Amino acid sequence: MTTPINLNKARKAKARDDKKIRANANSIKFGLTKSERLFAATKEKQAADRLSQLKFEDD
């Protein structure tokens, strides 16, 4: 005879797997994480500030 399985555990495991698949699809769909977006924005601002410091102004 086979061992009985707990249907609640099987149902919850399937739900976890479905959530993980959906999360991976959304991460691909929506791109960067919040920390990556903030890092990119900070680097962009630093580059713009550096460029403005190096510009010559004719008066």
Foldseek 3Di string as FASTA:
>chain_A
DDDDDDVVVVVVVVVVVVVVVVVVVVCVVVDDDPVVVVVVVVVVVVVVVVVVVPDDDDD
